[in-house]
C-alpha atoms as a PDB file:
ATOM      1  CA  MET A   1       0.000   0.000   0.000  1.00  0.00           C
ATOM      2  CA  GLY A   2       2.990   2.315   0.560  1.00  0.00           C
ATOM      3  CA  ALA A   3       3.937   2.288  -3.135  1.00  0.00           C
ATOM      4  CA  LEU A   4       0.435   3.241  -4.151  1.00  0.00           C
ATOM      5  CA  SER A   5       0.402   6.295  -1.910  1.00  0.00           C
ATOM      6  CA  ARG A   6       3.775   7.526  -3.229  1.00  0.00           C
ATOM      7  CA  ARG A   7       2.685   7.312  -6.852  1.00  0.00           C
ATOM      8  CA  PRO A   8       0.149  10.166  -6.815  1.00  0.00           C
ATOM      9  CA  LEU A   9       2.573  12.310  -4.822  1.00  0.00           C
ATOM     10  CA  PHE A  10       5.337  11.681  -7.369  1.00  0.00           C
ATOM     11  CA  ALA A  11       2.957  12.503 -10.233  1.00  0.00           C
ATOM     12  CA  LEU A  12       1.916  15.707  -8.478  1.00  0.00           C
ATOM     13  CA  VAL A  13       5.541  16.760  -8.005  1.00  0.00           C
ATOM     14  CA  ILE A  14       6.381  16.104 -11.659  1.00  0.00           C
ATOM     15  CA  LEU A  15       3.235  17.911 -12.813  1.00  0.00           C
ATOM     16  CA  SER A  16       4.074  20.898 -10.604  1.00  0.00           C
ATOM     17  CA  MET A  17       7.621  21.085 -11.989  1.00  0.00           C
ATOM     18  CA  VAL A  18       6.406  20.950 -15.590  1.00  0.00           C
ATOM     19  CA  GLY A  19       3.759  23.591 -14.836  1.00  0.00           C
ATOM     20  CA  TYR A  20       6.365  25.847 -13.234  1.00  0.00           C
ATOM     21  CA  LEU A  21       8.653  25.432 -16.253  1.00  0.00           C
ATOM     22  CA  LEU A  22       5.863  26.208 -18.728  1.00  0.00           C
ATOM     23  CA  ALA A  23       4.718  29.242 -16.738  1.00  0.00           C
ATOM     24  CA  GLY A  24       8.273  30.564 -16.722  1.00  0.00           C
ATOM     25  CA  LEU A  25       8.558  30.116 -20.473  1.00  0.00           C
ATOM     26  CA  VAL A  26       5.257  31.869 -21.123  1.00  0.00           C
ATOM     27  CA  VAL A  27       6.341  34.862 -19.023  1.00  0.00           C
ATOM     28  CA  GLU A  28       9.496  35.213 -21.142  1.00  0.00           C
ATOM     29  CA  MET A  29       7.645  35.193 -24.468  1.00  0.00           C
ATOM     30  CA  PRO A  30       7.362  38.464 -26.389  1.00  0.00           C
ATOM     31  CA  GLU A  31       3.910  40.021 -26.615  1.00  0.00           C
ATOM     32  CA  PHE A  32       1.683  38.859 -29.441  1.00  0.00           C
ATOM     33  CA  GLY A  33       2.453  40.863 -32.586  1.00  0.00           C
ATOM     34  CA  SER A  34       5.504  42.514 -31.046  1.00  0.00           C
ATOM     35  CA  SER A  35       8.108  43.663 -33.551  1.00  0.00           C
ATOM     36  CA  ASP A  36      10.815  42.466 -31.152  1.00  0.00           C
ATOM     37  CA  ALA A  37       9.869  38.813 -31.645  1.00  0.00           C
ATOM     38  CA  PRO A  38      12.687  36.651 -33.094  1.00  0.00           C
ATOM     39  CA  ALA A  39      10.480  35.583 -35.989  1.00  0.00           C
ATOM     40  CA  TYR A  40      10.218  39.177 -37.184  1.00  0.00           C
ATOM     41  CA  LYS A  41      13.855  40.047 -36.516  1.00  0.00           C
ATOM     42  CA  ASN A  42      15.566  36.972 -37.975  1.00  0.00           C
ATOM     43  CA  THR A  43      13.306  34.737 -40.027  1.00  0.00           C
ATOM     44  CA  VAL A  44      11.248  37.145 -42.125  1.00  0.00           C
ATOM     45  CA  PRO A  45      14.172  39.283 -43.343  1.00  0.00           C
ATOM     46  CA  ARG A  46      16.139  36.166 -44.300  1.00  0.00           C
ATOM     47  CA  TYR A  47      13.217  34.680 -46.236  1.00  0.00           C
ATOM     48  CA  LEU A  48      12.638  37.959 -48.074  1.00  0.00           C
ATOM     49  CA  SER A  49      16.282  38.685 -48.888  1.00  0.00           C
ATOM     50  CA  GLU A  50      17.533  35.187 -49.705  1.00  0.00           C
ATOM     51  CA  GLY A  51      14.361  33.324 -50.678  1.00  0.00           C
ATOM     52  CA  VAL A  52      14.798  33.566 -54.446  1.00  0.00           C
ATOM     53  CA  SER A  53      18.495  32.639 -54.410  1.00  0.00           C
ATOM     54  CA  ASP A  54      17.994  29.747 -51.946  1.00  0.00           C
ATOM     55  CA  THR A  55      14.960  28.159 -53.579  1.00  0.00           C
ATOM     56  CA  GLY A  56      14.754  29.460 -57.140  1.00  0.00           C
ATOM     57  CA  ALA A  57      11.047  30.233 -56.693  1.00  0.00           C
ATOM     58  CA  THR A  58       9.993  33.792 -57.504  1.00  0.00           C
ATOM     59  CA  ASN A  59       6.844  33.544 -55.376  1.00  0.00           C
ATOM     60  CA  ILE A  60       7.841  33.962 -51.722  1.00  0.00           C
ATOM     61  CA  VAL A  61       4.800  32.057 -50.409  1.00  0.00           C
ATOM     62  CA  THR A  62       5.582  29.082 -52.620  1.00  0.00           C
ATOM     63  CA  SER A  63       9.225  29.096 -51.610  1.00  0.00           C
ATOM     64  CA  ILE A  64       8.359  29.138 -47.902  1.00  0.00           C
ATOM     65  CA  LEU A  65       5.712  26.400 -48.105  1.00  0.00           C
ATOM     66  CA  PHE A  66       7.428  23.990 -50.446  1.00  0.00           C
ATOM     67  CA  ASP A  67      11.110  24.589 -49.808  1.00  0.00           C
ATOM     68  CA  TYR A  68      11.702  25.972 -46.331  1.00  0.00           C
ATOM     69  CA  ARG A  69       8.761  24.232 -44.656  1.00  0.00           C
ATOM     70  CA  ALA A  70       8.411  21.153 -46.848  1.00  0.00           C
ATOM     71  CA  TYR A  71       8.658  18.658 -43.988  1.00  0.00           C
ATOM     72  CA  ASP A  72       6.080  20.586 -41.985  1.00  0.00           C
ATOM     73  CA  THR A  73       3.724  20.652 -44.968  1.00  0.00           C
ATOM     74  CA  LEU A  74       4.288  16.915 -45.498  1.00  0.00           C
ATOM     75  CA  GLY A  75       3.517  16.285 -41.835  1.00  0.00           C
ATOM     76  CA  GLU A  76       0.285  18.279 -42.042  1.00  0.00           C
ATOM     77  CA  ALA A  77      -0.786  16.380 -45.140  1.00  0.00           C
ATOM     78  CA  THR A  78      -0.006  13.085 -43.393  1.00  0.00           C
ATOM     79  CA  VAL A  79      -2.137  14.036 -40.394  1.00  0.00           C
ATOM     80  CA  LEU A  80      -5.047  15.023 -42.639  1.00  0.00           C
ATOM     81  CA  PHE A  81      -4.739  11.774 -44.605  1.00  0.00           C
ATOM     82  CA  ALA A  82      -4.689   9.734 -41.390  1.00  0.00           C
ATOM     83  CA  ALA A  83      -7.770  11.592 -40.118  1.00  0.00           C
ATOM     84  CA  VAL A  84      -9.668  10.843 -43.323  1.00  0.00           C
ATOM     85  CA  LEU A  85      -8.691   7.164 -43.115  1.00  0.00           C
ATOM     86  CA  ALA A  86      -9.814   7.019 -39.465  1.00  0.00           C
ATOM     87  CA  ILE A  87     -13.175   8.571 -40.308  1.00  0.00           C
ATOM     88  CA  LEU A  88     -13.688   6.218 -43.235  1.00  0.00           C
ATOM     89  CA  SER A  89     -12.795   3.191 -41.119  1.00  0.00           C
ATOM     90  CA  LEU A  90     -15.238   4.287 -38.407  1.00  0.00           C
ATOM     91  CA  MET A  91     -18.017   4.863 -40.914  1.00  0.00           C
ATOM     92  CA  GLY A  92     -17.512   1.429 -42.475  1.00  0.00           C
ATOM     93  CA  GLY A  93     -17.564   1.836 -46.202  1.00  0.00           C
ATOM     94  CA  GLY A  94     -18.972  -1.590 -47.080  1.00  0.00           C
ATOM     95  CA  ASP A  95     -22.414  -3.134 -47.368  1.00  0.00           C
ATOM     96  CA  ASP A  96     -23.988  -4.674 -44.289  1.00  0.00           C
ATOM     97  CA  PRO A  97     -24.137  -8.492 -44.472  1.00  0.00           C
END
């Protein structure tokens, strides 16, 4: 019985530590839409200045989606495909016997 009573306490301690860590990270985040955010200072200028030479695509949106973020786009498509397959398997596409 002693091991069972320590388990919830251990889980509570771990949960509290993770919550404290996440709260600390949220406090350090820049405000939403702030021009001081790293995405606006580093990423956007690099995409705009070197996008054509890096990717060869003249459309900046196309170069970001299909060259810089290709794995992310592939992952999103995989998740959507898996969701469609799950829905189809739950609906049962065949005739009832």
